[in-house]
PDB file of N, CA and C in Angstrom:
ATOM      1  N   MET A   1     117.595 -44.682  29.221  1.00  0.00           N
ATOM      2  CA  MET A   1     116.584 -43.702  29.092  1.00  0.00           C
ATOM      3  C   MET A   1     116.892 -42.447  30.031  1.00  0.00           C
ATOM      4  N   SER A   2     116.629 -41.335  29.442  1.00  0.00           N
ATOM      5  CA  SER A   2     116.871 -40.076  30.191  1.00  0.00           C
ATOM      6  C   SER A   2     115.613 -39.825  31.132  1.00  0.00           C
ATOM      7  N   LYS A   3     115.831 -38.805  31.885  1.00  0.00           N
ATOM      8  CA  LYS A   3     114.801 -38.410  32.898  1.00  0.00           C
ATOM      9  C   LYS A   3     113.585 -37.964  32.112  1.00  0.00           C
ATOM     10  N   LEU A   4     113.688 -37.148  31.055  1.00  0.00           N
ATOM     11  CA  LEU A   4     112.566 -36.665  30.398  1.00  0.00           C
ATOM     12  C   LEU A   4     111.950 -37.755  29.637  1.00  0.00           C
ATOM     13  N   GLN A   5     112.580 -38.772  29.074  1.00  0.00           N
ATOM     14  CA  GLN A   5     111.891 -39.919  28.381  1.00  0.00           C
ATOM     15  C   GLN A   5     111.091 -40.700  29.373  1.00  0.00           C
ATOM     16  N   ILE A   6     111.546 -40.915  30.584  1.00  0.00           N
ATOM     17  CA  ILE A   6     110.772 -41.575  31.615  1.00  0.00           C
ATOM     18  C   ILE A   6     109.606 -40.768  31.931  1.00  0.00           C
ATOM     19  N   ARG A   7     109.795 -39.480  32.036  1.00  0.00           N
ATOM     20  CA  ARG A   7     108.594 -38.602  32.395  1.00  0.00           C
ATOM     21  C   ARG A   7     107.565 -38.645  31.245  1.00  0.00           C
ATOM     22  N   ALA A   8     107.934 -38.633  30.046  1.00  0.00           N
ATOM     23  CA  ALA A   8     107.086 -38.724  28.921  1.00  0.00           C
ATOM     24  C   ALA A   8     106.303 -40.051  28.914  1.00  0.00           C
ATOM     25  N   PHE A   9     106.934 -41.088  29.310  1.00  0.00           N
ATOM     26  CA  PHE A   9     106.394 -42.469  29.392  1.00  0.00           C
ATOM     27  C   PHE A   9     105.324 -42.488  30.445  1.00  0.00           C
ATOM     28  N   ILE A  10     105.638 -41.889  31.600  1.00  0.00           N
ATOM     29  CA  ILE A  10     104.705 -41.838  32.737  1.00  0.00           C
ATOM     30  C   ILE A  10     103.489 -40.963  32.415  1.00  0.00           C
ATOM     31  N   TYR A  11     103.687 -39.872  31.874  1.00  0.00           N
ATOM     32  CA  TYR A  11     102.576 -39.058  31.529  1.00  0.00           C
ATOM     33  C   TYR A  11     101.665 -39.668  30.511  1.00  0.00           C
ATOM     34  N   GLN A  12     102.266 -40.307  29.503  1.00  0.00           N
ATOM     35  CA  GLN A  12     101.485 -40.908  28.392  1.00  0.00           C
ATOM     36  C   GLN A  12     100.680 -42.036  29.048  1.00  0.00           C
ATOM     37  N   LEU A  13     101.296 -42.962  29.881  1.00  0.00           N
ATOM     38  CA  LEU A  13     100.625 -44.078  30.537  1.00  0.00           C
ATOM     39  C   LEU A  13      99.495 -43.602  31.412  1.00  0.00           C
ATOM     40  N   GLY A  14      99.820 -42.579  32.167  1.00  0.00           N
ATOM     41  CA  GLY A  14      98.721 -41.973  33.040  1.00  0.00           C
ATOM     42  C   GLY A  14      97.585 -41.452  32.340  1.00  0.00           C
ATOM     43  N   CYS A  15      97.721 -40.664  31.298  1.00  0.00           N
ATOM     44  CA  CYS A  15      96.674 -40.148  30.493  1.00  0.00           C
ATOM     45  C   CYS A  15      95.842 -41.251  29.834  1.00  0.00           C
ATOM     46  N   PHE A  16      96.521 -42.257  29.270  1.00  0.00           N
ATOM     47  CA  PHE A  16      95.821 -43.363  28.702  1.00  0.00           C
ATOM     48  C   PHE A  16      95.031 -44.112  29.738  1.00  0.00           C
ATOM     49  N   ALA A  17      95.611 -44.407  30.875  1.00  0.00           N
ATOM     50  CA  ALA A  17      94.859 -45.122  31.927  1.00  0.00           C
ATOM     51  C   ALA A  17      93.615 -44.408  32.326  1.00  0.00           C
ATOM     52  N   ILE A  18      93.682 -43.137  32.547  1.00  0.00           N
ATOM     53  CA  ILE A  18      92.508 -42.306  32.975  1.00  0.00           C
ATOM     54  C   ILE A  18      91.483 -42.462  31.959  1.00  0.00           C
ATOM     55  N   LEU A  19      91.786 -42.232  30.602  1.00  0.00           N
ATOM     56  CA  LEU A  19      90.881 -42.260  29.595  1.00  0.00           C
ATOM     57  C   LEU A  19      90.280 -43.704  29.366  1.00  0.00           C
ATOM     58  N   PHE A  20      91.157 -44.721  29.488  1.00  0.00           N
ATOM     59  CA  PHE A  20      90.630 -46.050  29.357  1.00  0.00           C
ATOM     60  C   PHE A  20      89.712 -46.527  30.316  1.00  0.00           C
ATOM     61  N   ILE A  21      90.002 -46.122  31.614  1.00  0.00           N
ATOM     62  CA  ILE A  21      89.014 -46.529  32.651  1.00  0.00           C
ATOM     63  C   ILE A  21      87.674 -45.719  32.536  1.00  0.00           C
ATOM     64  N   SER A  22      87.804 -44.494  32.147  1.00  0.00           N
ATOM     65  CA  SER A  22      86.564 -43.735  31.978  1.00  0.00           C
ATOM     66  C   SER A  22      85.731 -44.277  30.858  1.00  0.00           C
ATOM     67  N   ALA A  23      86.411 -44.536  29.748  1.00  0.00           N
ATOM     68  CA  ALA A  23      85.700 -45.026  28.532  1.00  0.00           C
ATOM     69  C   ALA A  23      85.235 -46.443  28.779  1.00  0.00           C
ATOM     70  N   ARG A  24      85.855 -47.232  29.558  1.00  0.00           N
ATOM     71  CA  ARG A  24      85.427 -48.634  29.843  1.00  0.00           C
ATOM     72  C   ARG A  24      84.077 -48.537  30.589  1.00  0.00           C
ATOM     73  N   TYR A  25      83.953 -47.669  31.595  1.00  0.00           N
ATOM     74  CA  TYR A  25      82.693 -47.547  32.324  1.00  0.00           C
ATOM     75  C   TYR A  25      81.658 -46.993  31.486  1.00  0.00           C
ATOM     76  N   LEU A  26      81.980 -45.992  30.725  1.00  0.00           N
ATOM     77  CA  LEU A  26      80.957 -45.346  29.867  1.00  0.00           C
ATOM     78  C   LEU A  26      80.437 -46.326  28.785  1.00  0.00           C
ATOM     79  N   VAL A  27      81.384 -46.951  28.117  1.00  0.00           N
ATOM     80  CA  VAL A  27      80.861 -47.952  27.118  1.00  0.00           C
ATOM     81  C   VAL A  27      80.059 -49.099  27.762  1.00  0.00           C
ATOM     82  N   ALA A  28      80.419 -49.545  28.880  1.00  0.00           N
ATOM     83  CA  ALA A  28      79.562 -50.610  29.606  1.00  0.00           C
ATOM     84  C   ALA A  28      78.222 -50.073  29.941  1.00  0.00           C
ATOM     85  N   TYR A  29      78.087 -48.809  30.294  1.00  0.00           N
ATOM     86  CA  TYR A  29      76.885 -48.294  30.870  1.00  0.00           C
ATOM     87  C   TYR A  29      75.973 -47.909  29.675  1.00  0.00           C
ATOM     88  N   TYR A  30      76.501 -47.237  28.696  1.00  0.00           N
ATOM     89  CA  TYR A  30      75.647 -46.620  27.654  1.00  0.00           C
ATOM     90  C   TYR A  30      75.566 -47.479  26.282  1.00  0.00           C
ATOM     91  N   THR A  31      76.222 -48.500  26.163  1.00  0.00           N
ATOM     92  CA  THR A  31      76.121 -49.272  24.900  1.00  0.00           C
ATOM     93  C   THR A  31      75.655 -50.791  25.286  1.00  0.00           C
ATOM     94  N   PRO A  32      75.145 -51.384  24.270  1.00  0.00           N
ATOM     95  CA  PRO A  32      74.740 -52.831  24.555  1.00  0.00           C
ATOM     96  C   PRO A  32      75.926 -53.786  24.354  1.00  0.00           C
ATOM     97  N   LEU A  33      77.115 -53.350  24.263  1.00  0.00           N
ATOM     98  CA  LEU A  33      78.154 -54.246  24.117  1.00  0.00           C
ATOM     99  C   LEU A  33      78.408 -55.163  25.333  1.00  0.00           C
ATOM    100  N   THR A  34      78.888 -56.336  25.154  1.00  0.00           N
ATOM    101  CA  THR A  34      79.170 -57.245  26.265  1.00  0.00           C
ATOM    102  C   THR A  34      80.492 -57.946  26.018  1.00  0.00           C
ATOM    103  N   GLY A  35      80.985 -58.643  27.052  1.00  0.00           N
ATOM    104  CA  GLY A  35      82.164 -59.471  26.883  1.00  0.00           C
ATOM    105  C   GLY A  35      83.433 -58.611  26.636  1.00  0.00           C
ATOM    106  N   TYR A  36      84.316 -59.130  25.809  1.00  0.00           N
ATOM    107  CA  TYR A  36      85.547 -58.544  25.564  1.00  0.00           C
ATOM    108  C   TYR A  36      85.545 -57.336  24.710  1.00  0.00           C
ATOM    109  N   TRP A  37      84.360 -57.044  24.115  1.00  0.00           N
ATOM    110  CA  TRP A  37      84.117 -55.770  23.353  1.00  0.00           C
ATOM    111  C   TRP A  37      84.178 -54.513  24.100  1.00  0.00           C
ATOM    112  N   ILE A  38      83.822 -54.569  25.376  1.00  0.00           N
ATOM    113  CA  ILE A  38      83.906 -53.449  26.171  1.00  0.00           C
ATOM    114  C   ILE A  38      85.381 -52.865  26.335  1.00  0.00           C
ATOM    115  N   PRO A  39      86.256 -53.734  26.782  1.00  0.00           N
ATOM    116  CA  PRO A  39      87.706 -53.251  26.880  1.00  0.00           C
ATOM    117  C   PRO A  39      88.311 -52.903  25.580  1.00  0.00           C
ATOM    118  N   VAL A  40      87.938 -53.715  24.506  1.00  0.00           N
ATOM    119  CA  VAL A  40      88.491 -53.425  23.180  1.00  0.00           C
ATOM    120  C   VAL A  40      88.096 -52.075  22.707  1.00  0.00           C
ATOM    121  N   SER A  41      86.829 -51.684  22.875  1.00  0.00           N
ATOM    122  CA  SER A  41      86.353 -50.367  22.541  1.00  0.00           C
ATOM    123  C   SER A  41      86.953 -49.356  23.414  1.00  0.00           C
ATOM    124  N   ALA A  42      87.075 -49.609  24.644  1.00  0.00           N
ATOM    125  CA  ALA A  42      87.715 -48.573  25.627  1.00  0.00           C
ATOM    126  C   ALA A  42      89.224 -48.372  25.171  1.00  0.00           C
ATOM    127  N   PHE A  43      89.892 -49.426  24.737  1.00  0.00           N
ATOM    128  CA  PHE A  43      91.298 -49.291  24.342  1.00  0.00           C
ATOM    129  C   PHE A  43      91.391 -48.369  23.148  1.00  0.00           C
ATOM    130  N   PHE A  44      90.574 -48.538  22.124  1.00  0.00           N
ATOM    131  CA  PHE A  44      90.655 -47.726  20.980  1.00  0.00           C
ATOM    132  C   PHE A  44      90.260 -46.279  21.256  1.00  0.00           C
ATOM    133  N   ILE A  45      89.341 -46.062  22.103  1.00  0.00           N
ATOM    134  CA  ILE A  45      88.922 -44.747  22.518  1.00  0.00           C
ATOM    135  C   ILE A  45      90.101 -44.070  23.243  1.00  0.00           C
ATOM    136  N   GLY A  46      90.749 -44.785  24.240  1.00  0.00           N
ATOM    137  CA  GLY A  46      91.803 -44.232  25.025  1.00  0.00           C
ATOM    138  C   GLY A  46      92.991 -43.946  24.198  1.00  0.00           C
ATOM    139  N   THR A  47      93.331 -44.817  23.160  1.00  0.00           N
ATOM    140  CA  THR A  47      94.419 -44.616  22.323  1.00  0.00           C
ATOM    141  C   THR A  47      94.187 -43.351  21.341  1.00  0.00           C
ATOM    142  N   ILE A  48      93.032 -43.252  20.827  1.00  0.00           N
ATOM    143  CA  ILE A  48      92.772 -42.080  19.999  1.00  0.00           C
ATOM    144  C   ILE A  48      92.742 -40.803  20.739  1.00  0.00           C
ATOM    145  N   LEU A  49      92.195 -40.748  21.855  1.00  0.00           N
ATOM    146  CA  LEU A  49      91.932 -39.490  22.638  1.00  0.00           C
ATOM    147  C   LEU A  49      93.118 -39.060  23.535  1.00  0.00           C
ATOM    148  N   SER A  50      93.962 -39.931  23.929  1.00  0.00           N
ATOM    149  CA  SER A  50      95.070 -39.621  24.789  1.00  0.00           C
ATOM    150  C   SER A  50      96.154 -38.812  24.095  1.00  0.00           C
ATOM    151  N   PRO A  51      96.736 -37.786  24.854  1.00  0.00           N
ATOM    152  CA  PRO A  51      97.756 -36.951  24.259  1.00  0.00           C
ATOM    153  C   PRO A  51      99.101 -37.767  24.122  1.00  0.00           C
ATOM    154  N   LYS A  52      99.946 -37.389  23.192  1.00  0.00           N
ATOM    155  CA  LYS A  52     101.213 -38.078  22.933  1.00  0.00           C
ATOM    156  C   LYS A  52     102.346 -37.164  23.424  1.00  0.00           C
ATOM    157  N   PHE A  53     103.138 -37.762  24.375  1.00  0.00           N
ATOM    158  CA  PHE A  53     104.264 -37.054  24.857  1.00  0.00           C
ATOM    159  C   PHE A  53     105.545 -37.666  24.366  1.00  0.00           C
ATOM    160  N   GLN A  54     106.528 -36.745  24.129  1.00  0.00           N
ATOM    161  CA  GLN A  54     107.841 -37.252  23.637  1.00  0.00           C
ATOM    162  C   GLN A  54     108.917 -36.252  24.084  1.00  0.00           C
ATOM    163  N   ALA A  55     110.050 -36.928  24.462  1.00  0.00           N
ATOM    164  CA  ALA A  55     111.250 -36.155  24.806  1.00  0.00           C
ATOM    165  C   ALA A  55     112.267 -36.282  23.521  1.00  0.00           C
ATOM    166  N   ILE A  56     112.704 -35.102  23.022  1.00  0.00           N
ATOM    167  CA  ILE A  56     113.495 -35.109  21.810  1.00  0.00           C
ATOM    168  C   ILE A  56     114.758 -34.305  22.162  1.00  0.00           C
ATOM    169  N   LYS A  57     115.936 -34.845  21.695  1.00  0.00           N
ATOM    170  CA  LYS A  57     117.196 -34.161  21.798  1.00  0.00           C
ATOM    171  C   LYS A  57     117.303 -33.140  20.668  1.00  0.00           C
ATOM    172  N   THR A  58     117.461 -31.979  21.013  1.00  0.00           N
ATOM    173  CA  THR A  58     117.737 -30.869  19.979  1.00  0.00           C
ATOM    174  C   THR A  58     119.079 -30.306  20.253  1.00  0.00           C
ATOM    175  N   LYS A  59     119.518 -29.326  19.419  1.00  0.00           N
ATOM    176  CA  LYS A  59     120.778 -28.670  19.549  1.00  0.00           C
ATOM    177  C   LYS A  59     120.781 -27.833  20.856  1.00  0.00           C
ATOM    178  N   ASP A  60     119.740 -27.517  21.304  1.00  0.00           N
ATOM    179  CA  ASP A  60     119.569 -26.639  22.644  1.00  0.00           C
ATOM    180  C   ASP A  60     119.451 -27.561  23.814  1.00  0.00           C
ATOM    181  N   GLY A  61     119.548 -28.909  23.683  1.00  0.00           N
ATOM    182  CA  GLY A  61     119.385 -29.827  24.753  1.00  0.00           C
ATOM    183  C   GLY A  61     118.113 -30.655  24.537  1.00  0.00           C
ATOM    184  N   GLU A  62     117.775 -31.412  25.476  1.00  0.00           N
ATOM    185  CA  GLU A  62     116.586 -32.277  25.474  1.00  0.00           C
ATOM    186  C   GLU A  62     115.334 -31.429  25.829  1.00  0.00           C
ATOM    187  N   LYS A  63     114.324 -31.610  25.000  1.00  0.00           N
ATOM    188  CA  LYS A  63     113.122 -30.940  25.257  1.00  0.00           C
ATOM    189  C   LYS A  63     111.905 -31.826  25.327  1.00  0.00           C
ATOM    190  N   PHE A  64     110.871 -31.375  25.918  1.00  0.00           N
ATOM    191  CA  PHE A  64     109.654 -32.272  26.236  1.00  0.00           C
ATOM    192  C   PHE A  64     108.514 -31.659  25.383  1.00  0.00           C
ATOM    193  N   PHE A  65     107.887 -32.506  24.506  1.00  0.00           N
ATOM    194  CA  PHE A  65     106.803 -32.020  23.683  1.00  0.00           C
ATOM    195  C   PHE A  65     105.522 -32.933  23.857  1.00  0.00           C
ATOM    196  N   MET A  66     104.430 -32.241  23.491  1.00  0.00           N
ATOM    197  CA  MET A  66     103.098 -32.929  23.620  1.00  0.00           C
ATOM    198  C   MET A  66     102.243 -32.623  22.306  1.00  0.00           C
ATOM    199  N   LYS A  67     101.623 -33.604  21.890  1.00  0.00           N
ATOM    200  CA  LYS A  67     100.674 -33.413  20.754  1.00  0.00           C
ATOM    201  C   LYS A  67      99.354 -34.134  21.107  1.00  0.00           C
ATOM    202  N   TRP A  68      98.286 -33.298  20.873  1.00  0.00           N
ATOM    203  CA  TRP A  68      96.926 -33.803  21.212  1.00  0.00           C
ATOM    204  C   TRP A  68      95.948 -33.558  20.128  1.00  0.00           C
ATOM    205  N   ILE A  69      94.999 -34.382  19.914  1.00  0.00           N
ATOM    206  CA  ILE A  69      93.989 -34.218  18.938  1.00  0.00           C
ATOM    207  C   ILE A  69      93.180 -32.972  19.102  1.00  0.00           C
ATOM    208  N   PHE A  70      92.963 -32.470  20.313  1.00  0.00           N
ATOM    209  CA  PHE A  70      92.216 -31.316  20.542  1.00  0.00           C
ATOM    210  C   PHE A  70      93.038 -30.013  20.531  1.00  0.00           C
ATOM    211  N   MET A  71      94.308 -30.088  20.353  1.00  0.00           N
ATOM    212  CA  MET A  71      95.096 -28.826  20.241  1.00  0.00           C
ATOM    213  C   MET A  71      95.791 -28.824  18.870  1.00  0.00           C
ATOM    214  N   LYS A  72      95.944 -27.671  18.230  1.00  0.00           N
ATOM    215  CA  LYS A  72      96.596 -27.516  17.067  1.00  0.00           C
ATOM    216  C   LYS A  72      98.095 -27.506  17.213  1.00  0.00           C
ATOM    217  N   GLY A  73      98.795 -28.395  16.365  1.00  0.00           N
ATOM    218  CA  GLY A  73     100.275 -28.423  16.416  1.00  0.00           C
ATOM    219  C   GLY A  73     100.834 -29.154  17.578  1.00  0.00           C
ATOM    220  N   VAL A  74     102.170 -28.976  17.762  1.00  0.00           N
ATOM    221  CA  VAL A  74     102.881 -29.664  18.794  1.00  0.00           C
ATOM    222  C   VAL A  74     103.327 -28.540  19.765  1.00  0.00           C
ATOM    223  N   ARG A  75     103.138 -28.800  21.065  1.00  0.00           N
ATOM    224  CA  ARG A  75     103.387 -27.864  22.152  1.00  0.00           C
ATOM    225  C   ARG A  75     104.635 -28.359  22.925  1.00  0.00           C
ATOM    226  N   GLU A  76     105.455 -27.354  23.257  1.00  0.00           N
ATOM    227  CA  GLU A  76     106.575 -27.686  24.072  1.00  0.00           C
ATOM    228  C   GLU A  76     106.195 -27.479  25.573  1.00  0.00           C
ATOM    229  N   ILE A  77     106.489 -28.458  26.412  1.00  0.00           N
ATOM    230  CA  ILE A  77     106.170 -28.415  27.810  1.00  0.00           C
ATOM    231  C   ILE A  77     107.471 -27.935  28.632  1.00  0.00           C
ATOM    232  N   GLU A  78     107.331 -26.979  29.348  1.00  0.00           N
ATOM    233  CA  GLU A  78     108.403 -26.360  30.142  1.00  0.00           C
ATOM    234  C   GLU A  78     109.319 -25.754  29.241  1.00  0.00           C
TER     235      GLU A  78
END
């Protein structure tokens, strides 16, 4: 794995973790769900809302891209 691929993995994991933990507490507080439905719901919310990061090798070298549901298109980072 290259340095950018590891960076993409860390960013994606971090964003998912923040959204998962936030969604877990919000689902537990604001919905009548109980048991394992709380983390399952938070998982789906975190998966859908978290941005996707990817390192791709191009002819100009390796580049770092991000795609998010709230942004139009794919954005190059750095």
